[in-house]
Amino acid sequence: MKLIGVECWADKYFFGKLLNDKSLIRKESGDDAVIDGVYKRSKGNFSVGIVDIDKNKKIPASFVKIYENENSQIYKHSENCQFLILIGPRQFEHWINEFLKKKNKEIKEFGFIDFVEFMKRSKSLNPESDERFKDLISFVIENFEESENHILKLKIQLEYILEKKYQFNIDEFQNI
């Protein structure tokens, strides 16, 4: 069951790998569709959406921020088990690049000319057909558990949300 909506193909590929279950991830047609998918189309049922922080997102007023750090914000519906996760500092690509910086790596080391080329490739319809993109994502997946970082933190948070679903406890969540 596709419980997590994302806004682009790169997100779908990455979060499928991160959670080791691509069947959990559905690609929507942009950030507004992800938010609507969680807030409206799920009709109060359990749902998670992941979008970029990059613009002024229209987070519905019934969602309350339950977590924030320099790379993510997590909102929960005030009554339902619906979650919106914003990643950044701006977009998915910046979120990945922040991890590379912590590992003293650069986009160029994966064969991209520069960050702009990486952005263009990740925005394509089929980024995982590019070996450079796949190698970069593989590096992240193989190395994120080595030390504390924003990707490891979000993985732990996502696993908690998916495991607990309707038994989600904000106090417990904030202590993981």
N, C-alpha and C. Protein backbone atom coordinates (compact mmCIF):
# COMPACT_ATOMS: atom_id res chain seq x y z
N MET A 1 0.84 -1.18 0.00
CA MET A 1 0.00 0.00 0.00
C MET A 1 0.88 1.24 0.00
N LYS A 2 0.61 2.19 -0.89
CA LYS A 2 1.42 3.39 -1.06
C LYS A 2 1.00 4.46 -0.05
N LEU A 3 1.64 4.45 1.10
CA LEU A 3 1.27 5.32 2.22
C LEU A 3 1.95 6.67 2.19
N ILE A 4 3.04 6.79 1.42
CA ILE A 4 3.84 8.02 1.43
C ILE A 4 3.81 8.67 0.05
N GLY A 5 3.27 9.87 -0.02
CA GLY A 5 3.26 10.63 -1.27
C GLY A 5 4.47 11.53 -1.35
N VAL A 6 5.08 11.58 -2.53
CA VAL A 6 6.23 12.46 -2.78
C VAL A 6 5.98 13.25 -4.05
N GLU A 7 6.74 14.33 -4.24
CA GLU A 7 6.46 15.22 -5.35
C GLU A 7 7.26 14.98 -6.63
N CYS A 8 8.30 14.15 -6.61
CA CYS A 8 9.06 13.93 -7.84
C CYS A 8 9.65 12.52 -7.88
N TRP A 9 10.13 12.15 -9.08
CA TRP A 9 10.67 10.80 -9.29
C TRP A 9 11.92 10.55 -8.45
N ALA A 10 12.75 11.58 -8.28
CA ALA A 10 13.97 11.41 -7.47
C ALA A 10 13.60 11.08 -6.03
N ASP A 11 12.59 11.77 -5.49
CA ASP A 11 12.12 11.49 -4.13
C ASP A 11 11.60 10.05 -4.03
N LYS A 12 10.83 9.66 -5.05
CA LYS A 12 10.26 8.30 -5.03
C LYS A 12 11.38 7.25 -4.99
N TYR A 13 12.37 7.44 -5.83
CA TYR A 13 13.49 6.51 -5.87
C TYR A 13 14.24 6.51 -4.53
N PHE A 14 14.56 7.71 -4.02
CA PHE A 14 15.34 7.80 -2.80
C PHE A 14 14.60 7.21 -1.60
N PHE A 15 13.37 7.62 -1.37
CA PHE A 15 12.65 7.16 -0.18
C PHE A 15 12.28 5.68 -0.27
N GLY A 16 12.09 5.16 -1.48
CA GLY A 16 11.92 3.72 -1.65
C GLY A 16 13.16 2.97 -1.20
N LYS A 17 14.33 3.51 -1.54
CA LYS A 17 15.60 2.92 -1.12
C LYS A 17 15.82 3.10 0.39
N LEU A 18 15.56 4.30 0.89
CA LEU A 18 15.78 4.59 2.30
C LEU A 18 14.96 3.66 3.20
N LEU A 19 13.72 3.44 2.83
CA LEU A 19 12.84 2.60 3.64
C LEU A 19 12.87 1.13 3.20
N ASN A 20 13.67 0.85 2.18
CA ASN A 20 13.82 -0.50 1.66
C ASN A 20 12.48 -1.11 1.25
N ASP A 21 11.58 -0.25 0.73
CA ASP A 21 10.27 -0.73 0.30
C ASP A 21 9.65 0.31 -0.63
N LYS A 22 9.92 0.17 -1.92
CA LYS A 22 9.41 1.16 -2.87
C LYS A 22 7.90 1.10 -3.02
N SER A 23 7.27 0.02 -2.56
CA SER A 23 5.82 -0.09 -2.67
C SER A 23 5.10 0.86 -1.71
N LEU A 24 5.82 1.45 -0.76
CA LEU A 24 5.23 2.42 0.17
C LEU A 24 5.07 3.80 -0.46
N ILE A 25 5.80 4.06 -1.55
CA ILE A 25 5.94 5.41 -2.08
C ILE A 25 5.09 5.60 -3.33
N ARG A 26 4.34 6.70 -3.36
CA ARG A 26 3.59 7.06 -4.56
C ARG A 26 4.07 8.43 -5.03
N LYS A 27 4.24 8.58 -6.32
CA LYS A 27 4.66 9.85 -6.90
C LYS A 27 3.41 10.63 -7.25
N GLU A 28 3.32 11.84 -6.72
CA GLU A 28 2.21 12.74 -7.02
C GLU A 28 2.66 13.74 -8.08
N SER A 29 1.77 14.62 -8.50
CA SER A 29 2.11 15.59 -9.55
C SER A 29 2.47 16.94 -8.95
N GLY A 30 3.38 16.94 -7.99
CA GLY A 30 3.86 18.18 -7.39
C GLY A 30 3.49 18.30 -5.93
N ASP A 31 4.02 19.35 -5.30
CA ASP A 31 3.85 19.50 -3.86
C ASP A 31 2.41 19.73 -3.43
N ASP A 32 1.65 20.51 -4.20
CA ASP A 32 0.24 20.73 -3.84
C ASP A 32 -0.54 19.41 -3.88
N ALA A 33 -0.24 18.56 -4.84
CA ALA A 33 -0.91 17.26 -4.94
C ALA A 33 -0.55 16.36 -3.76
N VAL A 34 0.70 16.44 -3.30
CA VAL A 34 1.11 15.65 -2.13
C VAL A 34 0.32 16.11 -0.91
N ILE A 35 0.27 17.43 -0.71
CA ILE A 35 -0.44 17.97 0.45
C ILE A 35 -1.93 17.63 0.37
N ASP A 36 -2.54 17.80 -0.80
CA ASP A 36 -3.95 17.44 -0.98
C ASP A 36 -4.18 15.95 -0.77
N GLY A 37 -3.22 15.14 -1.21
CA GLY A 37 -3.34 13.69 -1.04
C GLY A 37 -3.41 13.29 0.42
N VAL A 38 -2.62 13.96 1.24
CA VAL A 38 -2.62 13.67 2.67
C VAL A 38 -3.86 14.27 3.32
N TYR A 39 -4.11 15.52 3.04
CA TYR A 39 -5.14 16.27 3.75
C TYR A 39 -6.56 15.93 3.29
N LYS A 40 -6.76 15.81 1.98
CA LYS A 40 -8.11 15.63 1.45
C LYS A 40 -8.39 14.21 0.96
N ARG A 41 -7.57 13.74 0.03
CA ARG A 41 -7.88 12.46 -0.62
C ARG A 41 -7.78 11.26 0.31
N SER A 42 -6.97 11.37 1.38
CA SER A 42 -6.87 10.23 2.31
C SER A 42 -8.09 10.15 3.23
N LYS A 43 -8.93 11.19 3.21
CA LYS A 43 -10.20 11.22 3.95
C LYS A 43 -10.05 10.85 5.43
N GLY A 44 -9.00 11.38 6.04
CA GLY A 44 -8.80 11.15 7.47
C GLY A 44 -8.05 9.87 7.81
N ASN A 45 -7.79 9.05 6.80
CA ASN A 45 -7.03 7.82 7.03
C ASN A 45 -5.54 8.14 7.14
N PHE A 46 -4.79 7.17 7.62
CA PHE A 46 -3.34 7.33 7.78
C PHE A 46 -2.71 7.68 6.44
N SER A 47 -1.86 8.70 6.45
CA SER A 47 -1.18 9.13 5.24
C SER A 47 0.02 10.00 5.60
N VAL A 48 1.04 9.95 4.75
CA VAL A 48 2.26 10.74 4.93
C VAL A 48 2.59 11.39 3.59
N GLY A 49 3.01 12.63 3.64
CA GLY A 49 3.47 13.32 2.45
C GLY A 49 4.82 13.94 2.71
N ILE A 50 5.71 13.87 1.71
CA ILE A 50 7.04 14.46 1.83
C ILE A 50 7.20 15.46 0.68
N VAL A 51 7.48 16.72 1.04
CA VAL A 51 7.66 17.77 0.05
C VAL A 51 8.90 18.59 0.40
N ASP A 52 9.35 19.38 -0.56
CA ASP A 52 10.48 20.27 -0.35
C ASP A 52 10.05 21.49 0.47
N ILE A 53 11.00 22.05 1.22
CA ILE A 53 10.76 23.27 1.98
C ILE A 53 10.76 24.49 1.05
N ASP A 54 11.27 24.36 -0.14
CA ASP A 54 11.66 25.45 -1.03
C ASP A 54 10.73 26.65 -1.17
N LYS A 55 9.45 26.50 -1.11
CA LYS A 55 8.53 27.63 -1.29
C LYS A 55 7.66 27.78 -0.06
N ASN A 56 6.84 28.78 -0.09
CA ASN A 56 5.87 28.95 1.00
C ASN A 56 4.78 27.89 0.82
N LYS A 57 4.94 26.80 1.49
CA LYS A 57 3.97 25.71 1.37
C LYS A 57 2.68 26.10 2.06
N LYS A 58 1.60 25.68 1.46
CA LYS A 58 0.28 25.94 2.04
C LYS A 58 -0.09 24.78 2.94
N ILE A 59 0.52 24.76 4.12
CA ILE A 59 0.20 23.72 5.10
C ILE A 59 -1.17 24.04 5.68
N PRO A 60 -2.12 23.12 5.58
CA PRO A 60 -3.46 23.39 6.13
C PRO A 60 -3.39 23.74 7.61
N ALA A 61 -4.26 24.62 8.03
CA ALA A 61 -4.28 25.13 9.41
C ALA A 61 -4.49 24.03 10.44
N SER A 62 -5.08 22.91 10.05
CA SER A 62 -5.33 21.82 10.99
C SER A 62 -4.08 20.97 11.26
N PHE A 63 -2.95 21.31 10.63
CA PHE A 63 -1.70 20.61 10.87
C PHE A 63 -0.84 21.42 11.84
N VAL A 64 -0.24 20.72 12.80
CA VAL A 64 0.58 21.34 13.83
C VAL A 64 2.01 20.84 13.69
N LYS A 65 2.97 21.76 13.77
CA LYS A 65 4.38 21.37 13.68
C LYS A 65 4.75 20.61 14.94
N ILE A 66 5.28 19.39 14.76
CA ILE A 66 5.68 18.56 15.91
C ILE A 66 7.18 18.34 15.98
N TYR A 67 7.89 18.76 14.92
CA TYR A 67 9.35 18.58 14.92
C TYR A 67 9.95 19.55 13.90
N GLU A 68 11.14 20.05 14.24
CA GLU A 68 11.87 20.88 13.29
C GLU A 68 13.35 20.84 13.61
N ASN A 69 14.16 20.71 12.57
CA ASN A 69 15.60 20.93 12.67
C ASN A 69 16.01 21.70 11.42
N GLU A 70 17.31 21.88 11.21
CA GLU A 70 17.75 22.68 10.07
C GLU A 70 17.46 22.04 8.72
N ASN A 71 17.09 20.77 8.69
CA ASN A 71 16.86 20.08 7.42
C ASN A 71 15.47 19.50 7.25
N SER A 72 14.62 19.59 8.25
CA SER A 72 13.26 19.06 8.07
C SER A 72 12.29 19.67 9.07
N GLN A 73 11.03 19.60 8.68
CA GLN A 73 9.92 20.00 9.54
C GLN A 73 8.87 18.91 9.40
N ILE A 74 8.26 18.54 10.51
CA ILE A 74 7.22 17.52 10.47
C ILE A 74 5.96 18.09 11.10
N TYR A 75 4.87 17.96 10.35
CA TYR A 75 3.57 18.42 10.80
C TYR A 75 2.64 17.21 10.94
N LYS A 76 1.75 17.29 11.93
CA LYS A 76 0.74 16.24 12.12
C LYS A 76 -0.62 16.91 12.17
N HIS A 77 -1.59 16.25 11.57
CA HIS A 77 -2.96 16.76 11.65
C HIS A 77 -3.39 16.74 13.11
N SER A 78 -4.13 17.73 13.54
CA SER A 78 -4.50 17.86 14.95
C SER A 78 -5.37 16.71 15.45
N GLU A 79 -6.10 16.04 14.57
CA GLU A 79 -6.97 14.93 15.00
C GLU A 79 -6.64 13.60 14.32
N ASN A 80 -6.28 13.64 13.06
CA ASN A 80 -6.06 12.41 12.29
C ASN A 80 -4.59 12.02 12.25
N CYS A 81 -4.32 10.81 11.85
CA CYS A 81 -2.94 10.33 11.70
C CYS A 81 -2.46 10.63 10.28
N GLN A 82 -2.33 11.90 10.00
CA GLN A 82 -1.86 12.39 8.72
C GLN A 82 -0.64 13.27 8.99
N PHE A 83 0.40 13.07 8.20
CA PHE A 83 1.68 13.74 8.44
C PHE A 83 2.18 14.41 7.16
N LEU A 84 2.74 15.60 7.31
CA LEU A 84 3.42 16.28 6.22
C LEU A 84 4.86 16.53 6.67
N ILE A 85 5.79 16.10 5.84
CA ILE A 85 7.21 16.24 6.14
C ILE A 85 7.83 17.13 5.07
N LEU A 86 8.48 18.19 5.51
CA LEU A 86 9.15 19.11 4.60
C LEU A 86 10.65 18.91 4.76
N ILE A 87 11.35 18.73 3.64
CA ILE A 87 12.79 18.53 3.68
C ILE A 87 13.50 19.66 2.93
N GLY A 88 14.72 19.93 3.34
CA GLY A 88 15.46 21.01 2.71
C GLY A 88 16.88 21.09 3.25
N PRO A 89 17.55 22.16 3.08
CA PRO A 89 17.13 23.52 3.35
C PRO A 89 16.23 24.14 2.28
N ARG A 90 16.24 23.68 1.05
CA ARG A 90 15.32 24.20 0.05
C ARG A 90 14.62 23.06 -0.66
N GLN A 91 15.37 22.24 -1.33
CA GLN A 91 14.80 21.16 -2.12
C GLN A 91 15.50 19.84 -1.79
N PHE A 92 14.93 18.76 -2.30
CA PHE A 92 15.50 17.43 -2.10
C PHE A 92 16.99 17.42 -2.42
N GLU A 93 17.38 18.03 -3.52
CA GLU A 93 18.78 18.02 -3.94
C GLU A 93 19.68 18.71 -2.91
N HIS A 94 19.22 19.79 -2.34
CA HIS A 94 19.98 20.49 -1.29
C HIS A 94 20.06 19.61 -0.04
N TRP A 95 18.98 18.91 0.24
CA TRP A 95 18.91 18.00 1.39
C TRP A 95 19.98 16.91 1.26
N ILE A 96 20.10 16.34 0.05
CA ILE A 96 21.12 15.33 -0.24
C ILE A 96 22.51 15.97 -0.16
N ASN A 97 22.66 17.17 -0.73
CA ASN A 97 23.95 17.84 -0.73
C ASN A 97 24.43 18.16 0.69
N GLU A 98 23.52 18.47 1.59
CA GLU A 98 23.88 18.71 2.99
C GLU A 98 24.51 17.45 3.59
N PHE A 99 23.98 16.29 3.23
CA PHE A 99 24.56 15.05 3.71
C PHE A 99 25.96 14.86 3.13
N LEU A 100 26.12 15.11 1.83
CA LEU A 100 27.44 14.97 1.20
C LEU A 100 28.47 15.86 1.89
N LYS A 101 28.08 17.07 2.23
CA LYS A 101 29.00 17.99 2.91
C LYS A 101 29.46 17.40 4.24
N LYS A 102 28.56 16.77 4.97
CA LYS A 102 28.93 16.15 6.25
C LYS A 102 29.92 15.00 6.05
N LYS A 103 29.88 14.41 4.87
CA LYS A 103 30.78 13.29 4.55
C LYS A 103 32.00 13.76 3.75
N ASN A 104 32.19 15.08 3.67
CA ASN A 104 33.30 15.67 2.91
C ASN A 104 33.33 15.18 1.47
N LYS A 105 32.16 15.10 0.88
CA LYS A 105 32.01 14.70 -0.52
C LYS A 105 31.39 15.84 -1.31
N GLU A 106 31.60 15.80 -2.63
CA GLU A 106 31.02 16.79 -3.53
C GLU A 106 30.28 16.07 -4.65
N ILE A 107 29.31 16.75 -5.18
CA ILE A 107 28.52 16.24 -6.31
C ILE A 107 29.45 15.80 -7.45
N LYS A 108 30.50 16.56 -7.69
CA LYS A 108 31.43 16.28 -8.79
C LYS A 108 32.06 14.89 -8.67
N GLU A 109 32.22 14.40 -7.45
CA GLU A 109 32.84 13.09 -7.24
C GLU A 109 31.97 11.96 -7.79
N PHE A 110 30.73 12.26 -8.11
CA PHE A 110 29.83 11.24 -8.65
C PHE A 110 29.63 11.42 -10.16
N GLY A 111 30.46 12.27 -10.77
CA GLY A 111 30.46 12.43 -12.22
C GLY A 111 29.63 13.59 -12.74
N PHE A 112 28.99 14.33 -11.87
CA PHE A 112 28.23 15.51 -12.31
C PHE A 112 29.19 16.68 -12.49
N ILE A 113 28.93 17.52 -13.47
CA ILE A 113 29.77 18.69 -13.71
C ILE A 113 29.68 19.63 -12.52
N ASP A 114 28.45 19.81 -12.03
CA ASP A 114 28.23 20.70 -10.90
C ASP A 114 26.86 20.40 -10.29
N PHE A 115 26.50 21.18 -9.28
CA PHE A 115 25.24 20.98 -8.58
C PHE A 115 24.05 21.22 -9.52
N VAL A 116 24.17 22.18 -10.43
CA VAL A 116 23.10 22.49 -11.38
C VAL A 116 22.79 21.27 -12.25
N GLU A 117 23.83 20.58 -12.71
CA GLU A 117 23.60 19.38 -13.52
C GLU A 117 22.91 18.29 -12.69
N PHE A 118 23.33 18.13 -11.45
CA PHE A 118 22.67 17.17 -10.56
C PHE A 118 21.19 17.52 -10.39
N MET A 119 20.90 18.80 -10.19
CA MET A 119 19.50 19.25 -10.05
C MET A 119 18.70 18.90 -11.30
N LYS A 120 19.26 19.20 -12.46
CA LYS A 120 18.54 18.92 -13.72
C LYS A 120 18.27 17.43 -13.87
N ARG A 121 19.28 16.62 -13.56
CA ARG A 121 19.12 15.17 -13.71
C ARG A 121 18.08 14.63 -12.74
N SER A 122 18.09 15.12 -11.52
CA SER A 122 17.14 14.60 -10.53
C SER A 122 15.72 15.05 -10.84
N LYS A 123 15.56 16.12 -11.60
CA LYS A 123 14.23 16.60 -11.97
C LYS A 123 13.69 15.90 -13.23
N SER A 124 14.49 15.05 -13.83
CA SER A 124 14.04 14.38 -15.05
C SER A 124 12.99 13.32 -14.74
N LEU A 125 12.38 12.77 -15.78
CA LEU A 125 11.33 11.77 -15.60
C LEU A 125 11.85 10.43 -15.10
N ASN A 126 13.15 10.19 -15.31
CA ASN A 126 13.69 8.89 -14.95
C ASN A 126 15.12 9.04 -14.40
N PRO A 127 15.28 9.70 -13.25
CA PRO A 127 16.64 9.96 -12.77
C PRO A 127 17.42 8.68 -12.46
N GLU A 128 16.72 7.61 -12.06
CA GLU A 128 17.44 6.39 -11.71
C GLU A 128 18.02 5.67 -12.92
N SER A 129 17.75 6.15 -14.13
CA SER A 129 18.39 5.57 -15.31
C SER A 129 19.80 6.14 -15.51
N ASP A 130 20.14 7.17 -14.75
CA ASP A 130 21.46 7.80 -14.81
C ASP A 130 22.35 7.13 -13.75
N GLU A 131 23.41 6.48 -14.19
CA GLU A 131 24.30 5.77 -13.26
C GLU A 131 24.91 6.70 -12.22
N ARG A 132 25.17 7.95 -12.60
CA ARG A 132 25.73 8.90 -11.63
C ARG A 132 24.74 9.16 -10.51
N PHE A 133 23.48 9.35 -10.86
CA PHE A 133 22.44 9.58 -9.85
C PHE A 133 22.30 8.35 -8.96
N LYS A 134 22.25 7.18 -9.57
CA LYS A 134 22.14 5.94 -8.79
C LYS A 134 23.34 5.76 -7.87
N ASP A 135 24.54 6.06 -8.35
CA ASP A 135 25.75 5.93 -7.53
C ASP A 135 25.71 6.89 -6.34
N LEU A 136 25.27 8.12 -6.59
CA LEU A 136 25.18 9.10 -5.51
C LEU A 136 24.18 8.63 -4.45
N ILE A 137 23.01 8.20 -4.87
CA ILE A 137 21.99 7.74 -3.93
C ILE A 137 22.49 6.48 -3.20
N SER A 138 23.15 5.60 -3.90
CA SER A 138 23.72 4.40 -3.25
C SER A 138 24.73 4.79 -2.18
N PHE A 139 25.56 5.79 -2.48
CA PHE A 139 26.52 6.26 -1.48
C PHE A 139 25.79 6.75 -0.23
N VAL A 140 24.75 7.54 -0.42
CA VAL A 140 23.99 8.06 0.72
C VAL A 140 23.40 6.90 1.52
N ILE A 141 22.76 5.98 0.83
CA ILE A 141 22.11 4.84 1.50
C ILE A 141 23.13 3.98 2.25
N GLU A 142 24.29 3.79 1.65
CA GLU A 142 25.32 2.95 2.28
C GLU A 142 26.02 3.62 3.45
N ASN A 143 25.92 4.96 3.55
CA ASN A 143 26.72 5.68 4.55
C ASN A 143 25.93 6.49 5.58
N PHE A 144 24.64 6.60 5.45
CA PHE A 144 23.90 7.49 6.36
C PHE A 144 23.84 6.97 7.79
N GLU A 145 24.01 5.68 7.99
CA GLU A 145 23.91 5.13 9.35
C GLU A 145 25.21 5.19 10.14
N GLU A 146 26.28 5.69 9.52
CA GLU A 146 27.59 5.72 10.17
C GLU A 146 27.70 6.78 11.27
N SER A 147 26.92 7.83 11.17
CA SER A 147 26.98 8.88 12.18
C SER A 147 25.65 9.63 12.21
N GLU A 148 25.46 10.40 13.26
CA GLU A 148 24.22 11.15 13.39
C GLU A 148 24.12 12.18 12.27
N ASN A 149 22.99 12.22 11.61
CA ASN A 149 22.75 13.19 10.53
C ASN A 149 21.26 13.28 10.26
N HIS A 150 20.87 14.23 9.43
CA HIS A 150 19.46 14.49 9.17
C HIS A 150 18.76 13.36 8.42
N ILE A 151 19.46 12.61 7.61
CA ILE A 151 18.83 11.51 6.88
C ILE A 151 18.55 10.34 7.83
N LEU A 152 19.51 10.01 8.67
CA LEU A 152 19.29 8.97 9.67
C LEU A 152 18.12 9.35 10.59
N LYS A 153 18.10 10.58 11.04
CA LYS A 153 17.03 11.05 11.94
C LYS A 153 15.66 10.90 11.26
N LEU A 154 15.56 11.33 10.01
CA LEU A 154 14.28 11.24 9.32
C LEU A 154 13.88 9.79 9.07
N LYS A 155 14.84 8.93 8.79
CA LYS A 155 14.52 7.51 8.60
C LYS A 155 13.92 6.94 9.88
N ILE A 156 14.52 7.23 11.01
CA ILE A 156 14.02 6.74 12.29
C ILE A 156 12.62 7.29 12.54
N GLN A 157 12.42 8.57 12.24
CA GLN A 157 11.11 9.18 12.44
C GLN A 157 10.06 8.56 11.52
N LEU A 158 10.42 8.36 10.26
CA LEU A 158 9.48 7.74 9.31
C LEU A 158 9.12 6.32 9.73
N GLU A 159 10.12 5.56 10.17
CA GLU A 159 9.85 4.19 10.61
C GLU A 159 8.92 4.18 11.82
N TYR A 160 9.10 5.13 12.73
CA TYR A 160 8.20 5.23 13.89
C TYR A 160 6.78 5.54 13.43
N ILE A 161 6.65 6.53 12.56
CA ILE A 161 5.32 6.92 12.06
C ILE A 161 4.64 5.73 11.36
N LEU A 162 5.38 5.04 10.51
CA LEU A 162 4.81 3.90 9.78
C LEU A 162 4.47 2.73 10.70
N GLU A 163 5.29 2.51 11.70
CA GLU A 163 5.05 1.40 12.63
C GLU A 163 3.85 1.69 13.53
N LYS A 164 3.78 2.90 14.06
CA LYS A 164 2.75 3.23 15.03
C LYS A 164 1.40 3.57 14.39
N LYS A 165 1.43 4.17 13.22
CA LYS A 165 0.21 4.62 12.54
C LYS A 165 -0.78 5.24 13.50
N TYR A 166 -1.87 4.56 13.76
CA TYR A 166 -2.96 5.11 14.57
C TYR A 166 -2.63 5.12 16.07
N GLN A 167 -1.56 4.48 16.47
CA GLN A 167 -1.12 4.53 17.87
C GLN A 167 0.00 5.56 18.08
N PHE A 168 0.15 6.46 17.13
CA PHE A 168 1.19 7.48 17.17
C PHE A 168 1.05 8.30 18.46
N ASN A 169 2.21 8.54 19.12
CA ASN A 169 2.24 9.29 20.36
C ASN A 169 3.26 10.42 20.21
N ILE A 170 2.80 11.65 20.27
CA ILE A 170 3.69 12.81 20.04
C ILE A 170 4.84 12.84 21.04
N ASP A 171 4.57 12.61 22.32
CA ASP A 171 5.63 12.64 23.32
C ASP A 171 6.70 11.58 23.04
N GLU A 172 6.25 10.40 22.72
CA GLU A 172 7.18 9.32 22.38
C GLU A 172 7.98 9.67 21.14
N PHE A 173 7.29 10.20 20.14
CA PHE A 173 7.93 10.59 18.88
C PHE A 173 9.02 11.63 19.11
N GLN A 174 8.74 12.61 19.93
CA GLN A 174 9.70 13.69 20.15
C GLN A 174 10.91 13.24 20.95
N ASN A 175 10.85 12.06 21.53
CA ASN A 175 11.99 11.53 22.28
C ASN A 175 12.80 10.49 21.53
N ILE A 176 12.47 10.25 20.28
CA ILE A 176 13.28 9.27 19.53
C ILE A 176 14.45 9.94 18.87
